[in-house]
């Protein structure tokens, strides 16, 4: 997927999470989620992180931006108790899109820096326990 499309889709996903509050339930049922992400021992400079419920009867999702190796998802956009699959993405290269400009077609594709076992094929899971209001999950990607 071209970087322009990848950035556009990532932005739409995160905007939808912020506006739609995909966590479901009352705000006081949700936990604020934060943590650190390293890639090959160094803080991940930029990327996205998503948490998706592994329970098919509870289609819950939350996500945020990773900047300088850290991410924060406030409680009102967080998640209730449960198990969640973690996916991390950090594409580089591709065609840049100017702010306010719609992405277009490009032959220059972005390259994903995150290994598939942490991204599209992730089996990484975390658990938010009942009663937790703040949780921290750190991820060290080899």
C-alpha atoms as a PDB file:
ATOM      1  CA  UNK A   1       0.000   0.000   0.000  1.00  0.00           C
ATOM      2  CA  UNK A   2       1.497   3.388  -0.860  1.00  0.00           C
ATOM      3  CA  UNK A   3       2.587   5.458   2.106  1.00  0.00           C
ATOM      4  CA  UNK A   4       0.083   8.114   1.135  1.00  0.00           C
ATOM      5  CA  UNK A   5      -2.743   5.578   1.366  1.00  0.00           C
ATOM      6  CA  UNK A   6      -1.244   4.005   4.473  1.00  0.00           C
ATOM      7  CA  UNK A   7      -1.031   7.377   6.242  1.00  0.00           C
ATOM      8  CA  UNK A   8      -4.538   8.255   5.079  1.00  0.00           C
ATOM      9  CA  UNK A   9      -6.001   4.954   6.299  1.00  0.00           C
ATOM     10  CA  UNK A  10      -4.107   5.165   9.613  1.00  0.00           C
ATOM     11  CA  UNK A  11      -5.382   8.691  10.131  1.00  0.00           C
ATOM     12  CA  UNK A  12      -8.967   7.647   9.324  1.00  0.00           C
ATOM     13  CA  UNK A  13      -8.717   4.655  11.670  1.00  0.00           C
ATOM     14  CA  UNK A  14      -7.429   6.742  14.549  1.00  0.00           C
ATOM     15  CA  UNK A  15      -9.928   9.530  13.860  1.00  0.00           C
ATOM     16  CA  UNK A  16     -12.724   6.966  13.883  1.00  0.00           C
ATOM     17  CA  UNK A  17     -11.472   5.559  17.181  1.00  0.00           C
ATOM     18  CA  UNK A  18     -11.380   9.012  18.736  1.00  0.00           C
ATOM     19  CA  UNK A  19     -14.778  10.105  17.432  1.00  0.00           C
ATOM     20  CA  UNK A  20     -16.559   6.774  17.684  1.00  0.00           C
ATOM     21  CA  UNK A  21     -15.121   5.588  20.985  1.00  0.00           C
ATOM     22  CA  UNK A  22     -14.818   1.988  19.825  1.00  0.00           C
ATOM     23  CA  UNK A  23     -14.153   0.833  23.381  1.00  0.00           C
ATOM     24  CA  UNK A  24     -17.875   0.601  24.139  1.00  0.00           C
ATOM     25  CA  UNK A  25     -19.386   0.841  27.617  1.00  0.00           C
ATOM     26  CA  UNK A  26     -19.300   3.690  30.093  1.00  0.00           C
ATOM     27  CA  UNK A  27     -16.127   5.757  30.401  1.00  0.00           C
ATOM     28  CA  UNK A  28     -15.630   4.569  33.981  1.00  0.00           C
ATOM     29  CA  UNK A  29     -15.502   0.944  32.745  1.00  0.00           C
ATOM     30  CA  UNK A  30     -12.496   1.711  30.556  1.00  0.00           C
ATOM     31  CA  UNK A  31      -8.825   1.690  31.391  1.00  0.00           C
ATOM     32  CA  UNK A  32      -6.320   4.274  30.216  1.00  0.00           C
ATOM     33  CA  UNK A  33      -3.556   2.466  28.313  1.00  0.00           C
ATOM     34  CA  UNK A  34       0.027   3.627  27.938  1.00  0.00           C
ATOM     35  CA  UNK A  35       3.467   2.219  27.446  1.00  0.00           C
ATOM     36  CA  UNK A  36       6.706   2.131  25.533  1.00  0.00           C
ATOM     37  CA  UNK A  37       7.642   0.544  22.225  1.00  0.00           C
ATOM     38  CA  UNK A  38      11.188  -0.252  21.165  1.00  0.00           C
ATOM     39  CA  UNK A  39      12.405  -1.584  17.826  1.00  0.00           C
ATOM     40  CA  UNK A  40      15.784  -3.346  17.877  1.00  0.00           C
ATOM     41  CA  UNK A  41      16.534  -1.830  21.280  1.00  0.00           C
ATOM     42  CA  UNK A  42      15.728   1.774  20.300  1.00  0.00           C
ATOM     43  CA  UNK A  43      12.532   3.755  21.013  1.00  0.00           C
ATOM     44  CA  UNK A  44      10.227   3.552  17.978  1.00  0.00           C
ATOM     45  CA  UNK A  45      10.235   7.106  16.617  1.00  0.00           C
ATOM     46  CA  UNK A  46       6.740   6.959  15.123  1.00  0.00           C
ATOM     47  CA  UNK A  47       3.977   4.510  14.379  1.00  0.00           C
ATOM     48  CA  UNK A  48       0.558   3.318  15.458  1.00  0.00           C
ATOM     49  CA  UNK A  49      -0.633   0.748  17.970  1.00  0.00           C
ATOM     50  CA  UNK A  50      -4.044  -0.928  18.073  1.00  0.00           C
ATOM     51  CA  UNK A  51      -5.676  -3.198  20.626  1.00  0.00           C
ATOM     52  CA  UNK A  52      -8.488  -5.398  19.257  1.00  0.00           C
ATOM     53  CA  UNK A  53     -10.660  -7.710  21.358  1.00  0.00           C
ATOM     54  CA  UNK A  54      -9.954 -11.410  20.850  1.00  0.00           C
ATOM     55  CA  UNK A  55     -13.545 -12.158  21.900  1.00  0.00           C
ATOM     56  CA  UNK A  56     -15.614 -12.193  18.675  1.00  0.00           C
ATOM     57  CA  UNK A  57     -18.773 -11.363  20.674  1.00  0.00           C
ATOM     58  CA  UNK A  58     -17.179  -8.087  21.830  1.00  0.00           C
ATOM     59  CA  UNK A  59     -15.928  -6.162  18.774  1.00  0.00           C
ATOM     60  CA  UNK A  60     -13.888  -3.627  20.754  1.00  0.00           C
ATOM     61  CA  UNK A  61     -10.882  -1.662  19.522  1.00  0.00           C
ATOM     62  CA  UNK A  62      -8.691   1.216  20.664  1.00  0.00           C
ATOM     63  CA  UNK A  63      -5.564   2.706  19.187  1.00  0.00           C
ATOM     64  CA  UNK A  64      -3.113   5.525  19.326  1.00  0.00           C
ATOM     65  CA  UNK A  65      -0.017   7.134  17.896  1.00  0.00           C
ATOM     66  CA  UNK A  66       3.465   6.084  18.954  1.00  0.00           C
ATOM     67  CA  UNK A  67       5.858   9.014  19.217  1.00  0.00           C
ATOM     68  CA  UNK A  68       9.419   8.835  20.500  1.00  0.00           C
ATOM     69  CA  UNK A  69       8.805   5.324  21.777  1.00  0.00           C
ATOM     70  CA  UNK A  70       5.698   6.136  23.825  1.00  0.00           C
ATOM     71  CA  UNK A  71       1.932   5.893  23.381  1.00  0.00           C
ATOM     72  CA  UNK A  72      -1.024   7.004  25.517  1.00  0.00           C
ATOM     73  CA  UNK A  73      -4.695   6.197  25.145  1.00  0.00           C
ATOM     74  CA  UNK A  74      -6.872   8.130  27.634  1.00  0.00           C
ATOM     75  CA  UNK A  75      -9.562   6.276  29.602  1.00  0.00           C
ATOM     76  CA  UNK A  76     -12.416   7.800  27.591  1.00  0.00           C
ATOM     77  CA  UNK A  77     -10.877   6.166  24.478  1.00  0.00           C
ATOM     78  CA  UNK A  78      -9.554   3.109  26.329  1.00  0.00           C
ATOM     79  CA  UNK A  79     -10.898  -0.390  26.810  1.00  0.00           C
ATOM     80  CA  UNK A  80     -12.784  -2.399  29.452  1.00  0.00           C
ATOM     81  CA  UNK A  81     -11.464  -5.604  31.027  1.00  0.00           C
ATOM     82  CA  UNK A  82     -10.667  -8.342  28.530  1.00  0.00           C
ATOM     83  CA  UNK A  83      -8.000  -9.861  26.279  1.00  0.00           C
ATOM     84  CA  UNK A  84      -6.756  -7.858  23.309  1.00  0.00           C
ATOM     85  CA  UNK A  85      -4.560  -8.532  20.291  1.00  0.00           C
ATOM     86  CA  UNK A  86      -1.833  -5.940  19.786  1.00  0.00           C
ATOM     87  CA  UNK A  87      -0.766  -4.717  16.348  1.00  0.00           C
ATOM     88  CA  UNK A  88       1.992  -2.198  15.737  1.00  0.00           C
ATOM     89  CA  UNK A  89       2.723  -0.450  12.449  1.00  0.00           C
ATOM     90  CA  UNK A  90       5.442   1.948  11.306  1.00  0.00           C
ATOM     91  CA  UNK A  91       5.696   2.338   7.523  1.00  0.00           C
ATOM     92  CA  UNK A  92       8.526   4.333   5.936  1.00  0.00           C
ATOM     93  CA  UNK A  93       9.157   5.559   2.416  1.00  0.00           C
ATOM     94  CA  UNK A  94       6.519   5.894  -0.247  1.00  0.00           C
ATOM     95  CA  UNK A  95       4.960   9.074  -1.533  1.00  0.00           C
ATOM     96  CA  UNK A  96       4.344  11.860   0.956  1.00  0.00           C
ATOM     97  CA  UNK A  97       0.961  13.598   1.025  1.00  0.00           C
ATOM     98  CA  UNK A  98       0.748  17.284   1.887  1.00  0.00           C
ATOM     99  CA  UNK A  99      -1.580  18.241   4.765  1.00  0.00           C
ATOM    100  CA  UNK A 100      -5.122  18.727   3.499  1.00  0.00           C
ATOM    101  CA  UNK A 101      -4.396  16.836   0.269  1.00  0.00           C
ATOM    102  CA  UNK A 102      -6.192  13.606  -0.593  1.00  0.00           C
ATOM    103  CA  UNK A 103      -3.924  10.615  -1.254  1.00  0.00           C
ATOM    104  CA  UNK A 104      -3.565   9.520  -4.844  1.00  0.00           C
ATOM    105  CA  UNK A 105      -2.161   6.634  -6.769  1.00  0.00           C
ATOM    106  CA  UNK A 106       1.571   6.056  -6.601  1.00  0.00           C
ATOM    107  CA  UNK A 107       4.059   3.469  -7.754  1.00  0.00           C
ATOM    108  CA  UNK A 108       6.232   4.153  -4.712  1.00  0.00           C
ATOM    109  CA  UNK A 109       5.216   1.796  -1.931  1.00  0.00           C
ATOM    110  CA  UNK A 110       5.861   2.288   1.754  1.00  0.00           C
ATOM    111  CA  UNK A 111       7.883  -0.356   3.550  1.00  0.00           C
ATOM    112  CA  UNK A 112       6.712  -1.665   6.913  1.00  0.00           C
ATOM    113  CA  UNK A 113       9.506  -1.615   9.499  1.00  0.00           C
ATOM    114  CA  UNK A 114       7.634  -3.779  11.999  1.00  0.00           C
ATOM    115  CA  UNK A 115       7.959  -7.564  11.543  1.00  0.00           C
ATOM    116  CA  UNK A 116       4.661  -9.257  10.533  1.00  0.00           C
ATOM    117  CA  UNK A 117       4.492 -11.178  13.831  1.00  0.00           C
ATOM    118  CA  UNK A 118       3.985  -7.789  15.532  1.00  0.00           C
ATOM    119  CA  UNK A 119       1.895  -6.251  12.741  1.00  0.00           C
ATOM    120  CA  UNK A 120      -0.475  -7.835  10.241  1.00  0.00           C
ATOM    121  CA  UNK A 121       0.076 -11.393  11.549  1.00  0.00           C
ATOM    122  CA  UNK A 122       0.322 -10.480  15.227  1.00  0.00           C
ATOM    123  CA  UNK A 123      -0.547 -13.045  17.849  1.00  0.00           C
ATOM    124  CA  UNK A 124       0.671 -10.725  20.646  1.00  0.00           C
ATOM    125  CA  UNK A 125      -1.965 -10.409  23.368  1.00  0.00           C
ATOM    126  CA  UNK A 126      -2.437  -8.432  26.564  1.00  0.00           C
ATOM    127  CA  UNK A 127      -5.066  -8.576  29.284  1.00  0.00           C
ATOM    128  CA  UNK A 128      -6.813  -5.786  31.129  1.00  0.00           C
ATOM    129  CA  UNK A 129      -8.095  -7.178  34.410  1.00  0.00           C
ATOM    130  CA  UNK A 130     -11.428  -6.175  35.977  1.00  0.00           C
ATOM    131  CA  UNK A 131     -11.100  -3.055  38.098  1.00  0.00           C
ATOM    132  CA  UNK A 132      -7.939  -1.775  36.396  1.00  0.00           C
ATOM    133  CA  UNK A 133      -8.278   1.903  35.502  1.00  0.00           C
ATOM    134  CA  UNK A 134      -4.753   2.433  34.187  1.00  0.00           C
ATOM    135  CA  UNK A 135      -2.532  -0.141  32.535  1.00  0.00           C
ATOM    136  CA  UNK A 136       0.909   0.014  31.016  1.00  0.00           C
ATOM    137  CA  UNK A 137       2.156  -2.373  28.362  1.00  0.00           C
ATOM    138  CA  UNK A 138       5.702  -2.154  27.005  1.00  0.00           C
ATOM    139  CA  UNK A 139       6.658  -3.885  23.772  1.00  0.00           C
ATOM    140  CA  UNK A 140      10.208  -4.763  22.725  1.00  0.00           C
ATOM    141  CA  UNK A 141      10.271  -5.681  19.038  1.00  0.00           C
ATOM    142  CA  UNK A 142      13.442  -7.537  17.975  1.00  0.00           C
END
